[in-house]
Protein backbone atom coordinates (compact mmCIF):
# COMPACT_ATOMS: atom_id res chain seq x y z
CA MET A 1 -150.49 79.18 116.35
CA LYS A 2 -149.88 82.41 114.44
CA LYS A 3 -147.53 82.03 111.48
CA GLU A 4 -146.20 84.28 108.76
CA ARG A 5 -147.60 81.90 106.14
CA TYR A 6 -149.92 78.94 106.73
CA THR A 7 -149.89 75.71 104.75
CA TYR A 8 -152.42 73.17 103.54
CA GLN A 9 -151.52 70.94 106.48
CA ASP A 10 -152.23 73.82 108.87
CA LEU A 11 -155.76 74.02 107.44
CA LEU A 12 -156.31 70.31 108.11
CA ASP A 13 -154.95 70.69 111.64
CA ILE A 14 -157.15 73.72 112.35
CA MET A 15 -160.28 71.93 111.22
CA GLU A 16 -159.41 68.86 113.28
CA LYS A 17 -158.94 71.05 116.36
CA LEU A 18 -162.19 72.89 115.78
CA ARG A 19 -164.02 69.56 115.69
CA ALA A 20 -162.24 68.20 118.77
CA PRO A 21 -164.10 67.84 122.13
CA ASN A 22 -162.41 71.00 123.41
CA GLY A 23 -162.84 72.83 120.12
CA CYS A 24 -165.63 75.05 118.79
CA PRO A 25 -169.21 74.17 119.87
CA TRP A 26 -170.68 75.34 116.54
CA ASP A 27 -168.20 73.39 114.40
CA ARG A 28 -168.75 70.25 116.50
CA GLU A 29 -172.51 70.41 115.92
CA GLN A 30 -172.27 70.41 112.12
CA ASP A 31 -172.77 67.44 109.82
CA HIS A 32 -172.90 66.94 106.05
CA LYS A 33 -176.54 68.05 105.80
CA THR A 34 -176.27 71.17 107.95
CA LEU A 35 -173.29 72.31 105.86
CA LYS A 36 -175.09 72.00 102.52
CA ARG A 37 -176.28 75.63 102.50
CA TYR A 38 -172.75 76.93 103.17
CA LEU A 39 -171.29 74.88 100.33
CA ILE A 40 -173.85 76.40 97.96
CA GLU A 41 -173.34 79.94 99.30
CA GLU A 42 -169.56 79.74 99.02
CA SER A 43 -169.79 78.41 95.47
CA TYR A 44 -171.91 81.37 94.41
CA GLU A 45 -169.57 83.81 96.14
CA VAL A 46 -166.71 82.36 94.08
CA LEU A 47 -168.76 82.99 90.94
CA GLU A 48 -169.41 86.56 92.04
CA ALA A 49 -165.68 87.16 92.55
CA ILE A 50 -165.01 85.83 89.05
CA ASP A 51 -167.66 88.15 87.58
CA GLU A 52 -166.15 91.10 89.44
CA GLU A 53 -162.71 90.16 88.06
CA SER A 54 -161.19 90.66 91.50
CA PRO A 55 -158.16 88.37 92.08
CA PRO A 56 -157.91 89.21 95.83
CA LYS A 57 -161.60 88.47 96.35
CA LEU A 58 -161.38 85.30 94.25
CA CYS A 59 -158.42 84.10 96.33
CA ASP A 60 -160.39 84.73 99.52
CA GLU A 61 -163.57 83.05 98.29
CA LEU A 62 -161.70 80.00 96.96
CA GLY A 63 -160.26 79.64 100.46
CA ASP A 64 -163.78 79.66 101.93
CA LEU A 65 -164.87 77.04 99.39
CA LEU A 66 -161.84 74.88 100.16
CA LEU A 67 -162.71 75.11 103.85
CA GLN A 68 -166.05 73.46 103.09
CA VAL A 69 -164.30 70.55 101.35
CA VAL A 70 -161.95 70.14 104.31
CA PHE A 71 -164.87 70.40 106.75
CA HIS A 72 -166.79 67.58 105.05
CA SER A 73 -163.65 65.46 104.84
CA GLN A 74 -162.94 65.90 108.55
CA ILE A 75 -166.49 64.80 109.43
CA ALA A 76 -166.08 61.72 107.23
CA LYS A 77 -162.69 60.98 108.83
CA GLU A 78 -164.26 61.03 112.29
CA ASN A 79 -166.80 58.47 111.06
CA SER A 80 -164.04 56.27 109.59
CA GLN A 81 -165.41 56.78 106.07
CA PHE A 82 -162.64 58.67 104.26
CA ASP A 83 -160.27 61.58 104.81
CA MET A 84 -158.85 64.47 102.78
CA GLY A 85 -156.07 62.24 101.50
CA ASP A 86 -158.68 59.89 100.01
CA VAL A 87 -160.45 62.84 98.38
CA ILE A 88 -157.21 64.02 96.76
CA HIS A 89 -156.23 60.52 95.68
CA GLY A 90 -159.66 59.96 94.15
CA VAL A 91 -159.70 63.13 92.10
CA CYS A 92 -156.11 62.59 90.91
CA ALA A 93 -156.92 59.05 89.77
CA LYS A 94 -160.07 60.31 88.06
CA MET A 95 -158.26 63.11 86.19
CA ILE A 96 -155.54 60.74 84.98
CA ASN A 97 -158.08 58.15 83.85
CA ARG A 98 -160.28 60.67 82.03
CA HIS A 99 -157.35 62.43 80.32
CA ARG A 100 -156.09 59.39 78.44
CA HIS A 101 -154.95 61.68 75.61
CA VAL A 102 -152.44 63.21 78.07
CA PHE A 103 -151.56 60.32 80.40
CA GLY A 104 -152.38 57.44 78.05
CA GLU A 105 -152.19 56.51 74.39
CA GLU A 106 -155.45 57.97 73.07
CA GLU A 107 -155.38 61.06 70.86
CA ALA A 108 -157.44 64.25 71.05
CA GLN A 109 -156.87 67.16 68.71
CA THR A 110 -159.82 69.33 69.74
CA ALA A 111 -161.84 70.17 72.83
CA ASP A 112 -164.72 68.13 71.35
CA ASP A 113 -162.42 65.10 71.09
CA VAL A 114 -161.53 65.56 74.76
CA MET A 115 -165.19 65.70 75.81
CA LYS A 116 -165.98 62.50 73.91
CA ILE A 117 -163.21 60.67 75.76
CA TRP A 118 -164.29 62.23 79.06
CA GLU A 119 -167.95 61.21 78.69
CA ARG A 120 -167.12 57.69 77.49
CA VAL A 121 -164.75 57.04 80.39
CA LYS A 122 -167.14 58.64 82.89
CA LYS A 123 -169.92 56.36 81.67
CA ASP A 124 -167.67 53.31 82.13
CA GLU A 125 -166.62 54.44 85.62
CA LYS A 126 -170.23 54.74 86.73
CA GLY A 127 -171.25 51.45 85.11
CA GLN A 128 -173.90 53.16 83.00
CA GLU A 129 -175.01 50.89 80.17
CA THR A 130 -177.73 53.06 78.63
CA GLN A 131 -177.96 56.77 77.80
CA THR A 132 -181.09 56.98 79.94
CA GLU A 133 -178.92 56.06 82.93
CA VAL A 134 -176.60 58.89 81.93
CA LEU A 135 -179.51 61.35 81.88
CA LYS A 136 -180.76 60.10 85.25
CA GLY A 137 -177.22 60.52 86.58
CA VAL A 138 -177.44 64.31 86.25
CA PRO A 139 -177.97 65.47 89.88
CA GLY A 140 -181.59 66.30 90.59
CA ASN A 141 -180.67 69.08 93.03
CA LEU A 142 -178.89 71.18 90.41
CA PRO A 143 -180.58 74.50 89.59
CA ALA A 144 -183.32 73.67 87.07
CA LEU A 145 -181.80 75.65 84.17
CA MET A 146 -178.40 74.06 84.68
CA ARG A 147 -179.86 70.57 85.01
CA SER A 148 -181.95 70.84 81.84
CA PHE A 149 -178.90 72.15 79.95
CA LYS A 150 -176.82 69.13 81.03
CA VAL A 151 -179.63 66.65 80.30
CA GLN A 152 -180.01 68.07 76.79
CA GLN A 153 -176.25 67.92 76.24
CA LYS A 154 -176.14 64.26 77.16
CA ALA A 155 -179.15 63.41 74.98
CA ALA A 156 -177.40 65.13 72.08
CA GLN A 157 -174.38 62.85 72.52
CA VAL A 158 -176.35 60.02 70.89
CA GLY A 159 -177.88 62.21 68.17
CA PHE A 160 -181.15 63.10 69.91
CA ASP A 161 -180.96 66.74 68.86
CA TRP A 162 -182.06 69.30 66.29
CA ASP A 163 -179.88 69.60 63.18
CA ASP A 164 -180.00 73.39 63.21
CA ILE A 165 -180.60 76.18 65.71
CA LYS A 166 -183.48 77.39 63.51
CA ASP A 167 -185.43 74.27 64.51
CA ALA A 168 -184.74 74.99 68.18
CA VAL A 169 -186.00 78.57 67.78
CA LEU A 170 -189.14 77.35 66.00
CA LYS A 171 -189.75 75.01 68.95
CA VAL A 172 -189.67 78.04 71.29
CA LYS A 173 -192.30 79.79 69.17
CA GLU A 174 -194.41 76.63 69.16
CA GLU A 175 -194.23 76.40 72.95
CA VAL A 176 -195.22 80.08 73.30
CA THR A 177 -198.36 79.36 71.26
CA GLU A 178 -199.18 76.32 73.39
CA LEU A 179 -198.69 78.35 76.57
CA GLU A 180 -201.07 81.01 75.27
CA GLU A 181 -203.67 78.32 74.52
CA ALA A 182 -203.27 76.81 78.00
CA TYR A 183 -203.64 80.26 79.58
CA GLY A 184 -206.79 80.83 77.55
CA LYS A 185 -208.32 77.67 79.04
CA GLY A 186 -207.40 78.69 82.59
CA ASP A 187 -206.08 75.25 83.49
CA THR A 188 -203.37 75.90 86.10
CA ALA A 189 -201.74 72.47 85.84
CA HIS A 190 -201.64 72.72 82.03
CA ILE A 191 -200.22 76.25 82.22
CA GLU A 192 -197.43 75.03 84.50
CA GLU A 193 -196.65 72.17 82.14
CA GLU A 194 -196.51 74.41 79.07
CA LEU A 195 -194.42 77.00 80.88
CA GLY A 196 -191.94 74.25 81.74
CA ASP A 197 -191.88 73.17 78.10
CA LEU A 198 -191.18 76.77 77.03
CA LEU A 199 -188.31 77.15 79.49
CA PHE A 200 -186.87 73.82 78.38
CA ALA A 201 -187.03 74.95 74.74
CA VAL A 202 -185.30 78.24 75.58
CA VAL A 203 -182.53 76.31 77.32
CA ASN A 204 -182.15 74.27 74.14
CA VAL A 205 -181.55 77.47 72.15
CA SER A 206 -178.97 78.61 74.72
CA ARG A 207 -177.18 75.28 74.30
CA PHE A 208 -176.92 75.80 70.54
CA LEU A 209 -175.53 79.27 71.20
CA LYS A 210 -173.07 77.86 73.78
CA VAL A 211 -174.46 80.15 76.47
CA GLN A 212 -175.05 78.89 80.01
CA PRO A 213 -178.70 79.81 80.73
CA GLU A 214 -178.10 80.00 84.49
CA LEU A 215 -175.38 82.62 84.02
CA ALA A 216 -177.32 84.47 81.33
CA LEU A 217 -180.41 84.75 83.55
CA THR A 218 -178.30 85.87 86.52
CA ALA A 219 -176.75 88.62 84.40
CA THR A 220 -180.16 89.75 83.18
CA THR A 221 -181.55 89.79 86.72
CA ASN A 222 -178.64 91.98 87.84
CA LYS A 223 -179.24 94.25 84.84
CA PHE A 224 -182.92 94.53 85.79
CA ILE A 225 -181.97 95.58 89.34
CA ARG A 226 -179.55 98.23 88.02
CA ARG A 227 -182.15 99.71 85.71
CA PHE A 228 -184.88 99.58 88.35
CA GLU A 229 -182.55 101.43 90.71
CA HIS A 230 -182.14 104.16 88.09
CA VAL A 231 -185.92 104.41 87.61
CA GLU A 232 -186.50 104.75 91.34
CA LYS A 233 -183.68 107.25 91.81
CA ARG A 234 -184.90 109.45 88.96
CA SER A 235 -188.50 109.27 90.17
CA LEU A 236 -187.41 110.54 93.60
CA GLU A 237 -185.46 113.35 91.92
CA GLN A 238 -188.74 114.33 90.28
CA GLY A 239 -190.43 114.32 93.67
CA LYS A 240 -192.51 111.23 92.95
CA GLN A 241 -192.91 107.78 94.49
CA LEU A 242 -192.94 104.83 92.09
CA LYS A 243 -196.41 103.79 93.27
CA ASP A 244 -197.72 107.20 92.18
CA MET A 245 -196.23 107.03 88.68
CA THR A 246 -197.89 105.66 85.56
CA LEU A 247 -196.35 102.72 83.73
CA LYS A 248 -195.68 105.05 80.78
CA GLU A 249 -193.66 107.39 83.03
CA MET A 250 -191.66 104.49 84.46
CA ASP A 251 -191.05 103.09 80.97
CA ALA A 252 -189.58 106.44 79.92
CA LEU A 253 -187.11 106.30 82.81
CA TRP A 254 -186.37 102.66 81.99
CA ASP A 255 -185.49 103.63 78.41
CA GLU A 256 -183.30 106.38 79.82
CA ALA A 257 -181.44 103.81 81.93
CA LYS A 258 -180.90 101.62 78.85
CA ARG A 259 -179.60 104.60 76.85
CA LEU A 260 -177.14 105.58 79.59
CA GLU A 261 -175.88 101.99 79.80
CA ARG A 262 -175.21 101.95 76.06
CA GLU A 263 -173.40 105.28 76.26
CA ASN A 264 -171.25 104.08 79.16
CA LYS A 265 -170.30 101.04 77.08
CA GLY A 266 -169.44 103.27 74.15
CA GLU A 267 -172.30 101.93 72.07
CA GLY A 268 -174.13 105.17 71.55
């Protein structure tokens, strides 16, 4: 079946053959639930390719993600539920309906205007009559930071929001104080509750700043790993193991890593 260039239809045919009785044993054993982890993994690999600004890698990873969509559609087709054609039809109809400023007679001059139309139409499509239903409609299996961001966004659509970012920052400080008080009492359940409140407040600040907290935390985690690697490398150059160093010594190497990063960025 080798070709110089494969098509979308070839992908559908390949997946159908893999799932056939004489196809691949592993592919035949899969169902929607067993594939969940792969859908998540492929999505994050797409994000990594975007961060690396690598078009070839992005092309490859988008193909892997598309394969997951085709895989799920083939399983549904075998169960007489829907097929890939239904998936494409559904998303086309949805995009046309939600972009009434392009395909209809409504007007939208700004991105905010577009989002208002989008959310209103989406609410109608789902038959949601209250804003609480909209909040509950945010998927519960989203990463916690992402879910809280979306819930706050949707609450803000009806005016349930701070007027200024300064109020959101003050709320963070208030939650820090309450967490300290809970820690002082040693009540584990209360500590967990206050820590959740603090994280939720920080997400609120990120929303005002138009920064996705999930992406921001991922970037910071990667930065931490880079700097830790520098600390460990330099400690070994000094003939020391990290476990044998004082925190002050490690902090000095950490500051060195920060300085080198700034210099490499042309900031110092």
